[in-house]
Amino acid sequence: MQELIEKIRQFIKERDWEQFHSPKNLVMALNVEVAEIMEHLQWLTEEESRELPPEKLAELKDEIGDVFVYLIRLCDELDIDLLQAAAEKMTKNAKKYPVEQAKGNAKKYTEY
């Protein structure tokens, strides 16, 4: 992970883009990229979304890469360890969604 962070930092530095990478701008860019993922899946059935043709999957992979890069960049800008944040969130989610209550249903934890 650290190697990828360093590559992204170098890429940004070489292009003098640090000036544009405020947390606000990074979140907006991240949102745009997530919307591009959504666009690829919009109007597909559940089954179609699970069985994408190779060319569509390749396009989706590119967009997912963009999302991940922007998310890494946002975390780097805010000095957040992304892997640690995810691990901590999973611990919180396990408490909010105990198996005996959450298994097989899509209700939010506040609904049970």
PDB file of N, CA and C in Angstrom:
ATOM      1  N   MET A   1       0.829  -1.199   0.000  1.00  0.00           N
ATOM      2  CA  MET A   1       0.000   0.000   0.000  1.00  0.00           C
ATOM      3  C   MET A   1       0.870   1.259   0.000  1.00  0.00           C
ATOM      4  N   GLN A   2       1.905   1.237   0.824  1.00  0.00           N
ATOM      5  CA  GLN A   2       2.768   2.410   0.910  1.00  0.00           C
ATOM      6  C   GLN A   2       3.449   2.704  -0.437  1.00  0.00           C
ATOM      7  N   GLU A   3       3.792   1.663  -1.155  1.00  0.00           N
ATOM      8  CA  GLU A   3       4.407   1.845  -2.475  1.00  0.00           C
ATOM      9  C   GLU A   3       3.438   2.545  -3.435  1.00  0.00           C
ATOM     10  N   LEU A   4       2.174   2.151  -3.387  1.00  0.00           N
ATOM     11  CA  LEU A   4       1.166   2.793  -4.228  1.00  0.00           C
ATOM     12  C   LEU A   4       0.969   4.252  -3.829  1.00  0.00           C
ATOM     13  N   ILE A   5       0.936   4.522  -2.544  1.00  0.00           N
ATOM     14  CA  ILE A   5       0.802   5.903  -2.062  1.00  0.00           C
ATOM     15  C   ILE A   5       1.959   6.749  -2.594  1.00  0.00           C
ATOM     16  N   GLU A   6       3.158   6.198  -2.526  1.00  0.00           N
ATOM     17  CA  GLU A   6       4.335   6.939  -3.015  1.00  0.00           C
ATOM     18  C   GLU A   6       4.253   7.180  -4.516  1.00  0.00           C
ATOM     19  N   LYS A   7       3.776   6.205  -5.274  1.00  0.00           N
ATOM     20  CA  LYS A   7       3.621   6.378  -6.730  1.00  0.00           C
ATOM     21  C   LYS A   7       2.616   7.484  -7.036  1.00  0.00           C
ATOM     22  N   ILE A   8       1.529   7.487  -6.302  1.00  0.00           N
ATOM     23  CA  ILE A   8       0.507   8.520  -6.509  1.00  0.00           C
ATOM     24  C   ILE A   8       1.073   9.889  -6.144  1.00  0.00           C
ATOM     25  N   ARG A   9       1.788   9.973  -5.029  1.00  0.00           N
ATOM     26  CA  ARG A   9       2.409  11.246  -4.628  1.00  0.00           C
ATOM     27  C   ARG A   9       3.348  11.754  -5.715  1.00  0.00           C
ATOM     28  N   GLN A  10       4.170  10.862  -6.251  1.00  0.00           N
ATOM     29  CA  GLN A  10       5.130  11.246  -7.286  1.00  0.00           C
ATOM     30  C   GLN A  10       4.409  11.714  -8.550  1.00  0.00           C
ATOM     31  N   PHE A  11       3.389  10.991  -8.937  1.00  0.00           N
ATOM     32  CA  PHE A  11       2.590  11.346 -10.110  1.00  0.00           C
ATOM     33  C   PHE A  11       2.016  12.754  -9.956  1.00  0.00           C
ATOM     34  N   ILE A  12       1.461  13.048  -8.784  1.00  0.00           N
ATOM     35  CA  ILE A  12       0.860  14.350  -8.501  1.00  0.00           C
ATOM     36  C   ILE A  12       1.931  15.444  -8.489  1.00  0.00           C
ATOM     37  N   LYS A  13       3.040  15.144  -7.825  1.00  0.00           N
ATOM     38  CA  LYS A  13       4.120  16.129  -7.711  1.00  0.00           C
ATOM     39  C   LYS A  13       4.699  16.494  -9.077  1.00  0.00           C
ATOM     40  N   GLU A  14       4.934  15.500  -9.922  1.00  0.00           N
ATOM     41  CA  GLU A  14       5.504  15.750 -11.252  1.00  0.00           C
ATOM     42  C   GLU A  14       4.616  16.678 -12.085  1.00  0.00           C
ATOM     43  N   ARG A  15       3.342  16.667 -11.821  1.00  0.00           N
ATOM     44  CA  ARG A  15       2.398  17.474 -12.589  1.00  0.00           C
ATOM     45  C   ARG A  15       2.001  18.763 -11.879  1.00  0.00           C
ATOM     46  N   ASP A  16       2.570  18.985 -10.701  1.00  0.00           N
ATOM     47  CA  ASP A  16       2.263  20.164  -9.892  1.00  0.00           C
ATOM     48  C   ASP A  16       0.766  20.269  -9.618  1.00  0.00           C
ATOM     49  N   TRP A  17       0.168  19.146  -9.238  1.00  0.00           N
ATOM     50  CA  TRP A  17      -1.266  19.113  -8.975  1.00  0.00           C
ATOM     51  C   TRP A  17      -1.611  19.221  -7.497  1.00  0.00           C
ATOM     52  N   GLU A  18      -0.602  19.296  -6.638  1.00  0.00           N
ATOM     53  CA  GLU A  18      -0.899  19.410  -5.202  1.00  0.00           C
ATOM     54  C   GLU A  18      -1.815  20.598  -4.931  1.00  0.00           C
ATOM     55  N   GLN A  19      -1.620  21.670  -5.694  1.00  0.00           N
ATOM     56  CA  GLN A  19      -2.402  22.890  -5.503  1.00  0.00           C
ATOM     57  C   GLN A  19      -3.897  22.664  -5.710  1.00  0.00           C
ATOM     58  N   PHE A  20      -4.263  21.628  -6.441  1.00  0.00           N
ATOM     59  CA  PHE A  20      -5.671  21.350  -6.730  1.00  0.00           C
ATOM     60  C   PHE A  20      -6.272  20.306  -5.793  1.00  0.00           C
ATOM     61  N   HIS A  21      -5.425  19.654  -5.009  1.00  0.00           N
ATOM     62  CA  HIS A  21      -5.870  18.499  -4.237  1.00  0.00           C
ATOM     63  C   HIS A  21      -6.238  18.831  -2.792  1.00  0.00           C
ATOM     64  N   SER A  22      -7.121  19.785  -2.643  1.00  0.00           N
ATOM     65  CA  SER A  22      -7.678  20.040  -1.311  1.00  0.00           C
ATOM     66  C   SER A  22      -8.638  18.891  -1.001  1.00  0.00           C
ATOM     67  N   PRO A  23      -8.903  18.641   0.267  1.00  0.00           N
ATOM     68  CA  PRO A  23      -9.890  17.602   0.585  1.00  0.00           C
ATOM     69  C   PRO A  23     -11.221  17.822  -0.133  1.00  0.00           C
ATOM     70  N   LYS A  24     -11.679  19.052  -0.192  1.00  0.00           N
ATOM     71  CA  LYS A  24     -12.945  19.369  -0.880  1.00  0.00           C
ATOM     72  C   LYS A  24     -12.894  18.944  -2.335  1.00  0.00           C
ATOM     73  N   ASN A  25     -11.846  19.308  -3.043  1.00  0.00           N
ATOM     74  CA  ASN A  25     -11.734  18.964  -4.456  1.00  0.00           C
ATOM     75  C   ASN A  25     -11.586  17.464  -4.666  1.00  0.00           C
ATOM     76  N   LEU A  26     -10.856  16.814  -3.786  1.00  0.00           N
ATOM     77  CA  LEU A  26     -10.679  15.368  -3.907  1.00  0.00           C
ATOM     78  C   LEU A  26     -11.998  14.626  -3.692  1.00  0.00           C
ATOM     79  N   VAL A  27     -12.797  15.086  -2.739  1.00  0.00           N
ATOM     80  CA  VAL A  27     -14.103  14.461  -2.511  1.00  0.00           C
ATOM     81  C   VAL A  27     -15.012  14.665  -3.718  1.00  0.00           C
ATOM     82  N   MET A  28     -14.974  15.829  -4.303  1.00  0.00           N
ATOM     83  CA  MET A  28     -15.794  16.068  -5.497  1.00  0.00           C
ATOM     84  C   MET A  28     -15.344  15.172  -6.646  1.00  0.00           C
ATOM     85  N   ALA A  29     -14.035  15.056  -6.849  1.00  0.00           N
ATOM     86  CA  ALA A  29     -13.521  14.182  -7.908  1.00  0.00           C
ATOM     87  C   ALA A  29     -13.886  12.727  -7.637  1.00  0.00           C
ATOM     88  N   LEU A  30     -13.800  12.334  -6.387  1.00  0.00           N
ATOM     89  CA  LEU A  30     -14.161  10.977  -5.986  1.00  0.00           C
ATOM     90  C   LEU A  30     -15.630  10.706  -6.317  1.00  0.00           C
ATOM     91  N   ASN A  31     -16.486  11.649  -6.016  1.00  0.00           N
ATOM     92  CA  ASN A  31     -17.910  11.506  -6.305  1.00  0.00           C
ATOM     93  C   ASN A  31     -18.167  11.362  -7.801  1.00  0.00           C
ATOM     94  N   VAL A  32     -17.475  12.122  -8.605  1.00  0.00           N
ATOM     95  CA  VAL A  32     -17.626  12.031 -10.061  1.00  0.00           C
ATOM     96  C   VAL A  32     -17.239  10.637 -10.547  1.00  0.00           C
ATOM     97  N   GLU A  33     -16.143  10.119 -10.021  1.00  0.00           N
ATOM     98  CA  GLU A  33     -15.690   8.791 -10.440  1.00  0.00           C
ATOM     99  C   GLU A  33     -16.658   7.696  -9.991  1.00  0.00           C
ATOM    100  N   VAL A  34     -17.206   7.818  -8.795  1.00  0.00           N
ATOM    101  CA  VAL A  34     -18.207   6.850  -8.337  1.00  0.00           C
ATOM    102  C   VAL A  34     -19.430   6.916  -9.250  1.00  0.00           C
ATOM    103  N   ALA A  35     -19.812   8.103  -9.653  1.00  0.00           N
ATOM    104  CA  ALA A  35     -20.952   8.248 -10.572  1.00  0.00           C
ATOM    105  C   ALA A  35     -20.658   7.560 -11.902  1.00  0.00           C
ATOM    106  N   GLU A  36     -19.410   7.573 -12.332  1.00  0.00           N
ATOM    107  CA  GLU A  36     -19.055   6.895 -13.576  1.00  0.00           C
ATOM    108  C   GLU A  36     -19.184   5.378 -13.431  1.00  0.00           C
ATOM    109  N   ILE A  37     -18.900   4.852 -12.249  1.00  0.00           N
ATOM    110  CA  ILE A  37     -19.143   3.428 -12.000  1.00  0.00           C
ATOM    111  C   ILE A  37     -20.641   3.157 -12.107  1.00  0.00           C
ATOM    112  N   MET A  38     -21.423   4.006 -11.463  1.00  0.00           N
ATOM    113  CA  MET A  38     -22.874   3.843 -11.485  1.00  0.00           C
ATOM    114  C   MET A  38     -23.409   3.875 -12.916  1.00  0.00           C
ATOM    115  N   GLU A  39     -22.852   4.743 -13.717  1.00  0.00           N
ATOM    116  CA  GLU A  39     -23.315   4.878 -15.099  1.00  0.00           C
ATOM    117  C   GLU A  39     -23.152   3.564 -15.871  1.00  0.00           C
ATOM    118  N   HIS A  40     -22.082   2.835 -15.597  1.00  0.00           N
ATOM    119  CA  HIS A  40     -21.855   1.560 -16.283  1.00  0.00           C
ATOM    120  C   HIS A  40     -22.884   0.504 -15.890  1.00  0.00           C
ATOM    121  N   LEU A  41     -23.448   0.619 -14.722  1.00  0.00           N
ATOM    122  CA  LEU A  41     -24.383  -0.388 -14.222  1.00  0.00           C
ATOM    123  C   LEU A  41     -25.846   0.050 -14.302  1.00  0.00           C
ATOM    124  N   GLN A  42     -26.035   1.327 -14.585  1.00  0.00           N
ATOM    125  CA  GLN A  42     -27.398   1.862 -14.648  1.00  0.00           C
ATOM    126  C   GLN A  42     -28.200   1.102 -15.695  1.00  0.00           C
ATOM    127  N   TRP A  43     -29.416   0.779 -15.353  1.00  0.00           N
ATOM    128  CA  TRP A  43     -30.398   0.127 -16.204  1.00  0.00           C
ATOM    129  C   TRP A  43     -30.144  -1.365 -16.421  1.00  0.00           C
ATOM    130  N   LEU A  44     -29.091  -1.905 -15.845  1.00  0.00           N
ATOM    131  CA  LEU A  44     -28.866  -3.340 -15.957  1.00  0.00           C
ATOM    132  C   LEU A  44     -29.720  -4.074 -14.934  1.00  0.00           C
ATOM    133  N   THR A  45     -30.057  -5.293 -15.242  1.00  0.00           N
ATOM    134  CA  THR A  45     -30.726  -6.118 -14.248  1.00  0.00           C
ATOM    135  C   THR A  45     -29.684  -6.575 -13.231  1.00  0.00           C
ATOM    136  N   GLU A  46     -30.155  -7.152 -12.125  1.00  0.00           N
ATOM    137  CA  GLU A  46     -29.227  -7.686 -11.118  1.00  0.00           C
ATOM    138  C   GLU A  46     -28.288  -8.701 -11.766  1.00  0.00           C
ATOM    139  N   GLU A  47     -28.864  -9.592 -12.554  1.00  0.00           N
ATOM    140  CA  GLU A  47     -28.069 -10.634 -13.201  1.00  0.00           C
ATOM    141  C   GLU A  47     -27.057 -10.035 -14.185  1.00  0.00           C
ATOM    142  N   GLU A  48     -27.492  -9.099 -14.997  1.00  0.00           N
ATOM    143  CA  GLU A  48     -26.586  -8.458 -15.960  1.00  0.00           C
ATOM    144  C   GLU A  48     -25.423  -7.767 -15.247  1.00  0.00           C
ATOM    145  N   SER A  49     -25.704  -7.176 -14.097  1.00  0.00           N
ATOM    146  CA  SER A  49     -24.640  -6.476 -13.369  1.00  0.00           C
ATOM    147  C   SER A  49     -23.601  -7.440 -12.805  1.00  0.00           C
ATOM    148  N   ARG A  50     -23.991  -8.702 -12.656  1.00  0.00           N
ATOM    149  CA  ARG A  50     -23.061  -9.717 -12.144  1.00  0.00           C
ATOM    150  C   ARG A  50     -22.308 -10.436 -13.262  1.00  0.00           C
ATOM    151  N   GLU A  51     -22.790 -10.312 -14.468  1.00  0.00           N
ATOM    152  CA  GLU A  51     -22.204 -11.033 -15.596  1.00  0.00           C
ATOM    153  C   GLU A  51     -21.846 -10.060 -16.721  1.00  0.00           C
ATOM    154  N   LEU A  52     -20.971  -9.134 -16.431  1.00  0.00           N
ATOM    155  CA  LEU A  52     -20.587  -8.124 -17.420  1.00  0.00           C
ATOM    156  C   LEU A  52     -19.692  -8.739 -18.494  1.00  0.00           C
ATOM    157  N   PRO A  53     -19.882  -8.310 -19.743  1.00  0.00           N
ATOM    158  CA  PRO A  53     -18.968  -8.761 -20.791  1.00  0.00           C
ATOM    159  C   PRO A  53     -17.570  -8.200 -20.532  1.00  0.00           C
ATOM    160  N   PRO A  54     -16.539  -8.874 -21.031  1.00  0.00           N
ATOM    161  CA  PRO A  54     -15.151  -8.469 -20.739  1.00  0.00           C
ATOM    162  C   PRO A  54     -14.844  -6.996 -21.007  1.00  0.00           C
ATOM    163  N   GLU A  55     -15.359  -6.439 -22.085  1.00  0.00           N
ATOM    164  CA  GLU A  55     -15.053  -5.037 -22.401  1.00  0.00           C
ATOM    165  C   GLU A  55     -15.705  -4.093 -21.395  1.00  0.00           C
ATOM    166  N   LYS A  56     -16.913  -4.430 -20.950  1.00  0.00           N
ATOM    167  CA  LYS A  56     -17.602  -3.610 -19.955  1.00  0.00           C
ATOM    168  C   LYS A  56     -16.902  -3.729 -18.598  1.00  0.00           C
ATOM    169  N   LEU A  57     -16.465  -4.929 -18.276  1.00  0.00           N
ATOM    170  CA  LEU A  57     -15.742  -5.154 -17.031  1.00  0.00           C
ATOM    171  C   LEU A  57     -14.422  -4.380 -17.024  1.00  0.00           C
ATOM    172  N   ALA A  58     -13.742  -4.316 -18.163  1.00  0.00           N
ATOM    173  CA  ALA A  58     -12.490  -3.558 -18.261  1.00  0.00           C
ATOM    174  C   ALA A  58     -12.738  -2.066 -18.035  1.00  0.00           C
ATOM    175  N   GLU A  59     -13.826  -1.558 -18.586  1.00  0.00           N
ATOM    176  CA  GLU A  59     -14.173  -0.146 -18.374  1.00  0.00           C
ATOM    177  C   GLU A  59     -14.482   0.115 -16.903  1.00  0.00           C
ATOM    178  N   LEU A  60     -15.229  -0.792 -16.305  1.00  0.00           N
ATOM    179  CA  LEU A  60     -15.573  -0.664 -14.894  1.00  0.00           C
ATOM    180  C   LEU A  60     -14.319  -0.724 -14.023  1.00  0.00           C
ATOM    181  N   LYS A  61     -13.410  -1.599 -14.381  1.00  0.00           N
ATOM    182  CA  LYS A  61     -12.140  -1.727 -13.654  1.00  0.00           C
ATOM    183  C   LYS A  61     -11.373  -0.404 -13.659  1.00  0.00           C
ATOM    184  N   ASP A  62     -11.345   0.275 -14.791  1.00  0.00           N
ATOM    185  CA  ASP A  62     -10.678   1.583 -14.871  1.00  0.00           C
ATOM    186  C   ASP A  62     -11.319   2.589 -13.918  1.00  0.00           C
ATOM    187  N   GLU A  63     -12.636   2.615 -13.896  1.00  0.00           N
ATOM    188  CA  GLU A  63     -13.336   3.559 -13.015  1.00  0.00           C
ATOM    189  C   GLU A  63     -13.094   3.219 -11.547  1.00  0.00           C
ATOM    190  N   ILE A  64     -13.095   1.941 -11.220  1.00  0.00           N
ATOM    191  CA  ILE A  64     -12.812   1.526  -9.845  1.00  0.00           C
ATOM    192  C   ILE A  64     -11.399   1.930  -9.466  1.00  0.00           C
ATOM    193  N   GLY A  65     -10.465   1.815 -10.396  1.00  0.00           N
ATOM    194  CA  GLY A  65      -9.100   2.276 -10.145  1.00  0.00           C
ATOM    195  C   GLY A  65      -9.057   3.760  -9.854  1.00  0.00           C
ATOM    196  N   ASP A  66      -9.816   4.546 -10.611  1.00  0.00           N
ATOM    197  CA  ASP A  66      -9.881   5.988 -10.366  1.00  0.00           C
ATOM    198  C   ASP A  66     -10.410   6.286  -8.968  1.00  0.00           C
ATOM    199  N   VAL A  67     -11.467   5.581  -8.574  1.00  0.00           N
ATOM    200  CA  VAL A  67     -12.052   5.784  -7.247  1.00  0.00           C
ATOM    201  C   VAL A  67     -11.021   5.472  -6.167  1.00  0.00           C
ATOM    202  N   PHE A  68     -10.329   4.373  -6.322  1.00  0.00           N
ATOM    203  CA  PHE A  68      -9.343   3.966  -5.321  1.00  0.00           C
ATOM    204  C   PHE A  68      -8.204   4.975  -5.227  1.00  0.00           C
ATOM    205  N   VAL A  69      -7.738   5.463  -6.357  1.00  0.00           N
ATOM    206  CA  VAL A  69      -6.651   6.452  -6.357  1.00  0.00           C
ATOM    207  C   VAL A  69      -7.101   7.735  -5.662  1.00  0.00           C
ATOM    208  N   TYR A  70      -8.287   8.218  -5.990  1.00  0.00           N
ATOM    209  CA  TYR A  70      -8.780   9.433  -5.330  1.00  0.00           C
ATOM    210  C   TYR A  70      -8.996   9.216  -3.839  1.00  0.00           C
ATOM    211  N   LEU A  71      -9.469   8.046  -3.463  1.00  0.00           N
ATOM    212  CA  LEU A  71      -9.671   7.756  -2.048  1.00  0.00           C
ATOM    213  C   LEU A  71      -8.329   7.702  -1.313  1.00  0.00           C
ATOM    214  N   ILE A  72      -7.342   7.075  -1.926  1.00  0.00           N
ATOM    215  CA  ILE A  72      -5.998   7.045  -1.339  1.00  0.00           C
ATOM    216  C   ILE A  72      -5.455   8.464  -1.215  1.00  0.00           C
ATOM    217  N   ARG A  73      -5.645   9.246  -2.249  1.00  0.00           N
ATOM    218  CA  ARG A  73      -5.140  10.624  -2.248  1.00  0.00           C
ATOM    219  C   ARG A  73      -5.817  11.456  -1.152  1.00  0.00           C
ATOM    220  N   LEU A  74      -7.130  11.287  -0.993  1.00  0.00           N
ATOM    221  CA  LEU A  74      -7.858  11.996   0.057  1.00  0.00           C
ATOM    222  C   LEU A  74      -7.323  11.600   1.430  1.00  0.00           C
ATOM    223  N   CYS A  75      -7.151  10.312   1.640  1.00  0.00           N
ATOM    224  CA  CYS A  75      -6.621   9.846   2.925  1.00  0.00           C
ATOM    225  C   CYS A  75      -5.215  10.372   3.163  1.00  0.00           C
ATOM    226  N   ASP A  76      -4.401  10.399   2.126  1.00  0.00           N
ATOM    227  CA  ASP A  76      -3.041  10.917   2.261  1.00  0.00           C
ATOM    228  C   ASP A  76      -3.071  12.396   2.632  1.00  0.00           C
ATOM    229  N   GLU A  77      -3.944  13.134   1.993  1.00  0.00           N
ATOM    230  CA  GLU A  77      -4.060  14.570   2.264  1.00  0.00           C
ATOM    231  C   GLU A  77      -4.521  14.828   3.701  1.00  0.00           C
ATOM    232  N   LEU A  78      -5.374  13.943   4.231  1.00  0.00           N
ATOM    233  CA  LEU A  78      -5.912  14.116   5.579  1.00  0.00           C
ATOM    234  C   LEU A  78      -5.155  13.307   6.636  1.00  0.00           C
ATOM    235  N   ASP A  79      -4.089  12.647   6.221  1.00  0.00           N
ATOM    236  CA  ASP A  79      -3.272  11.825   7.117  1.00  0.00           C
ATOM    237  C   ASP A  79      -4.107  10.731   7.791  1.00  0.00           C
ATOM    238  N   ILE A  80      -4.896  10.038   6.977  1.00  0.00           N
ATOM    239  CA  ILE A  80      -5.712   8.912   7.442  1.00  0.00           C
ATOM    240  C   ILE A  80      -5.131   7.636   6.852  1.00  0.00           C
ATOM    241  N   ASP A  81      -4.920   6.654   7.704  1.00  0.00           N
ATOM    242  CA  ASP A  81      -4.482   5.340   7.236  1.00  0.00           C
ATOM    243  C   ASP A  81      -5.731   4.613   6.735  1.00  0.00           C
ATOM    244  N   LEU A  82      -5.830   4.445   5.428  1.00  0.00           N
ATOM    245  CA  LEU A  82      -7.025   3.874   4.811  1.00  0.00           C
ATOM    246  C   LEU A  82      -7.305   2.455   5.301  1.00  0.00           C
ATOM    247  N   LEU A  83      -6.292   1.629   5.367  1.00  0.00           N
ATOM    248  CA  LEU A  83      -6.487   0.247   5.812  1.00  0.00           C
ATOM    249  C   LEU A  83      -6.917   0.188   7.280  1.00  0.00           C
ATOM    250  N   GLN A  84      -6.327   1.029   8.091  1.00  0.00           N
ATOM    251  CA  GLN A  84      -6.711   1.085   9.500  1.00  0.00           C
ATOM    252  C   GLN A  84      -8.142   1.597   9.639  1.00  0.00           C
ATOM    253  N   ALA A  85      -8.496   2.624   8.873  1.00  0.00           N
ATOM    254  CA  ALA A  85      -9.855   3.166   8.925  1.00  0.00           C
ATOM    255  C   ALA A  85     -10.870   2.096   8.531  1.00  0.00           C
ATOM    256  N   ALA A  86     -10.559   1.315   7.513  1.00  0.00           N
ATOM    257  CA  ALA A  86     -11.465   0.253   7.076  1.00  0.00           C
ATOM    258  C   ALA A  86     -11.595  -0.833   8.146  1.00  0.00           C
ATOM    259  N   ALA A  87     -10.473  -1.214   8.743  1.00  0.00           N
ATOM    260  CA  ALA A  87     -10.502  -2.240   9.792  1.00  0.00           C
ATOM    261  C   ALA A  87     -11.319  -1.761  10.991  1.00  0.00           C
ATOM    262  N   GLU A  88     -11.116  -0.517  11.389  1.00  0.00           N
ATOM    263  CA  GLU A  88     -11.872   0.032  12.519  1.00  0.00           C
ATOM    264  C   GLU A  88     -13.360   0.099  12.203  1.00  0.00           C
ATOM    265  N   LYS A  89     -13.695   0.452  10.972  1.00  0.00           N
ATOM    266  CA  LYS A  89     -15.102   0.533  10.577  1.00  0.00           C
ATOM    267  C   LYS A  89     -15.745  -0.854  10.583  1.00  0.00           C
ATOM    268  N   MET A  90     -15.010  -1.875  10.167  1.00  0.00           N
ATOM    269  CA  MET A  90     -15.553  -3.233  10.194  1.00  0.00           C
ATOM    270  C   MET A  90     -15.832  -3.689  11.624  1.00  0.00           C
ATOM    271  N   THR A  91     -14.987  -3.283  12.548  1.00  0.00           N
ATOM    272  CA  THR A  91     -15.219  -3.606  13.962  1.00  0.00           C
ATOM    273  C   THR A  91     -16.503  -2.933  14.443  1.00  0.00           C
ATOM    274  N   LYS A  92     -16.678  -1.665  14.099  1.00  0.00           N
ATOM    275  CA  LYS A  92     -17.897  -0.946  14.470  1.00  0.00           C
ATOM    276  C   LYS A  92     -19.128  -1.581  13.823  1.00  0.00           C
ATOM    277  N   ASN A  93     -19.001  -1.953  12.546  1.00  0.00           N
ATOM    278  CA  ASN A  93     -20.128  -2.562  11.838  1.00  0.00           C
ATOM    279  C   ASN A  93     -20.530  -3.895  12.461  1.00  0.00           C
ATOM    280  N   ALA A  94     -19.550  -4.658  12.930  1.00  0.00           N
ATOM    281  CA  ALA A  94     -19.851  -5.947  13.562  1.00  0.00           C
ATOM    282  C   ALA A  94     -20.699  -5.751  14.811  1.00  0.00           C
ATOM    283  N   LYS A  95     -20.465  -4.657  15.519  1.00  0.00           N
ATOM    284  CA  LYS A  95     -21.265  -4.364  16.718  1.00  0.00           C
ATOM    285  C   LYS A  95     -22.664  -3.857  16.341  1.00  0.00           C
ATOM    286  N   LYS A  96     -22.739  -3.030  15.293  1.00  0.00           N
ATOM    287  CA  LYS A  96     -24.018  -2.475  14.879  1.00  0.00           C
ATOM    288  C   LYS A  96     -24.899  -3.511  14.188  1.00  0.00           C
ATOM    289  N   TYR A  97     -24.271  -4.472  13.538  1.00  0.00           N
ATOM    290  CA  TYR A  97     -24.997  -5.484  12.770  1.00  0.00           C
ATOM    291  C   TYR A  97     -24.638  -6.887  13.249  1.00  0.00           C
ATOM    292  N   PRO A  98     -25.074  -7.256  14.453  1.00  0.00           N
ATOM    293  CA  PRO A  98     -24.777  -8.607  14.938  1.00  0.00           C
ATOM    294  C   PRO A  98     -25.430  -9.648  14.027  1.00  0.00           C
ATOM    295  N   VAL A  99     -24.745 -10.744  13.828  1.00  0.00           N
ATOM    296  CA  VAL A  99     -25.210 -11.775  12.909  1.00  0.00           C
ATOM    297  C   VAL A  99     -26.643 -12.198  13.206  1.00  0.00           C
ATOM    298  N   GLU A 100     -26.935 -12.418  14.479  1.00  0.00           N
ATOM    299  CA  GLU A 100     -28.272 -12.915  14.833  1.00  0.00           C
ATOM    300  C   GLU A 100     -29.394 -11.945  14.457  1.00  0.00           C
ATOM    301  N   GLN A 101     -29.086 -10.672  14.289  1.00  0.00           N
ATOM    302  CA  GLN A 101     -30.114  -9.697  13.901  1.00  0.00           C
ATOM    303  C   GLN A 101     -30.026  -9.308  12.425  1.00  0.00           C
ATOM    304  N   ALA A 102     -28.842  -9.307  11.882  1.00  0.00           N
ATOM    305  CA  ALA A 102     -28.650  -8.777  10.537  1.00  0.00           C
ATOM    306  C   ALA A 102     -28.661  -9.842   9.437  1.00  0.00           C
ATOM    307  N   LYS A 103     -28.428 -11.078   9.791  1.00  0.00           N
ATOM    308  CA  LYS A 103     -28.300 -12.125   8.777  1.00  0.00           C
ATOM    309  C   LYS A 103     -29.566 -12.227   7.927  1.00  0.00           C
ATOM    310  N   GLY A 104     -29.380 -12.062   6.637  1.00  0.00           N
ATOM    311  CA  GLY A 104     -30.470 -12.244   5.689  1.00  0.00           C
ATOM    312  C   GLY A 104     -31.428 -11.081   5.541  1.00  0.00           C
ATOM    313  N   ASN A 105     -31.156  -9.959   6.216  1.00  0.00           N
ATOM    314  CA  ASN A 105     -32.051  -8.818   6.005  1.00  0.00           C
ATOM    315  C   ASN A 105     -31.245  -7.558   5.747  1.00  0.00           C
ATOM    316  N   ALA A 106     -31.883  -6.627   5.078  1.00  0.00           N
ATOM    317  CA  ALA A 106     -31.208  -5.404   4.662  1.00  0.00           C
ATOM    318  C   ALA A 106     -31.582  -4.194   5.503  1.00  0.00           C
ATOM    319  N   LYS A 107     -32.185  -4.437   6.646  1.00  0.00           N
ATOM    320  CA  LYS A 107     -32.583  -3.319   7.509  1.00  0.00           C
ATOM    321  C   LYS A 107     -31.371  -2.632   8.088  1.00  0.00           C
ATOM    322  N   LYS A 108     -31.515  -1.333   8.275  1.00  0.00           N
ATOM    323  CA  LYS A 108     -30.484  -0.573   8.955  1.00  0.00           C
ATOM    324  C   LYS A 108     -30.509  -0.916  10.443  1.00  0.00           C
ATOM    325  N   TYR A 109     -29.361  -0.836  11.088  1.00  0.00           N
ATOM    326  CA  TYR A 109     -29.254  -1.226  12.495  1.00  0.00           C
ATOM    327  C   TYR A 109     -30.232  -0.486  13.402  1.00  0.00           C
ATOM    328  N   THR A 110     -30.678   0.676  13.014  1.00  0.00           N
ATOM    329  CA  THR A 110     -31.621   1.439  13.836  1.00  0.00           C
ATOM    330  C   THR A 110     -33.042   0.877  13.746  1.00  0.00           C
ATOM    331  N   GLU A 111     -33.246  -0.086  12.852  1.00  0.00           N
ATOM    332  CA  GLU A 111     -34.581  -0.646  12.643  1.00  0.00           C
ATOM    333  C   GLU A 111     -34.831  -1.923  13.427  1.00  0.00           C
ATOM    334  N   TYR A 112     -33.821  -2.391  14.175  1.00  0.00           N
ATOM    335  CA  TYR A 112     -34.047  -3.590  14.998  1.00  0.00           C
ATOM    336  C   TYR A 112     -33.388  -3.457  16.342  1.00  0.00           C
TER     337      TYR A 112
END
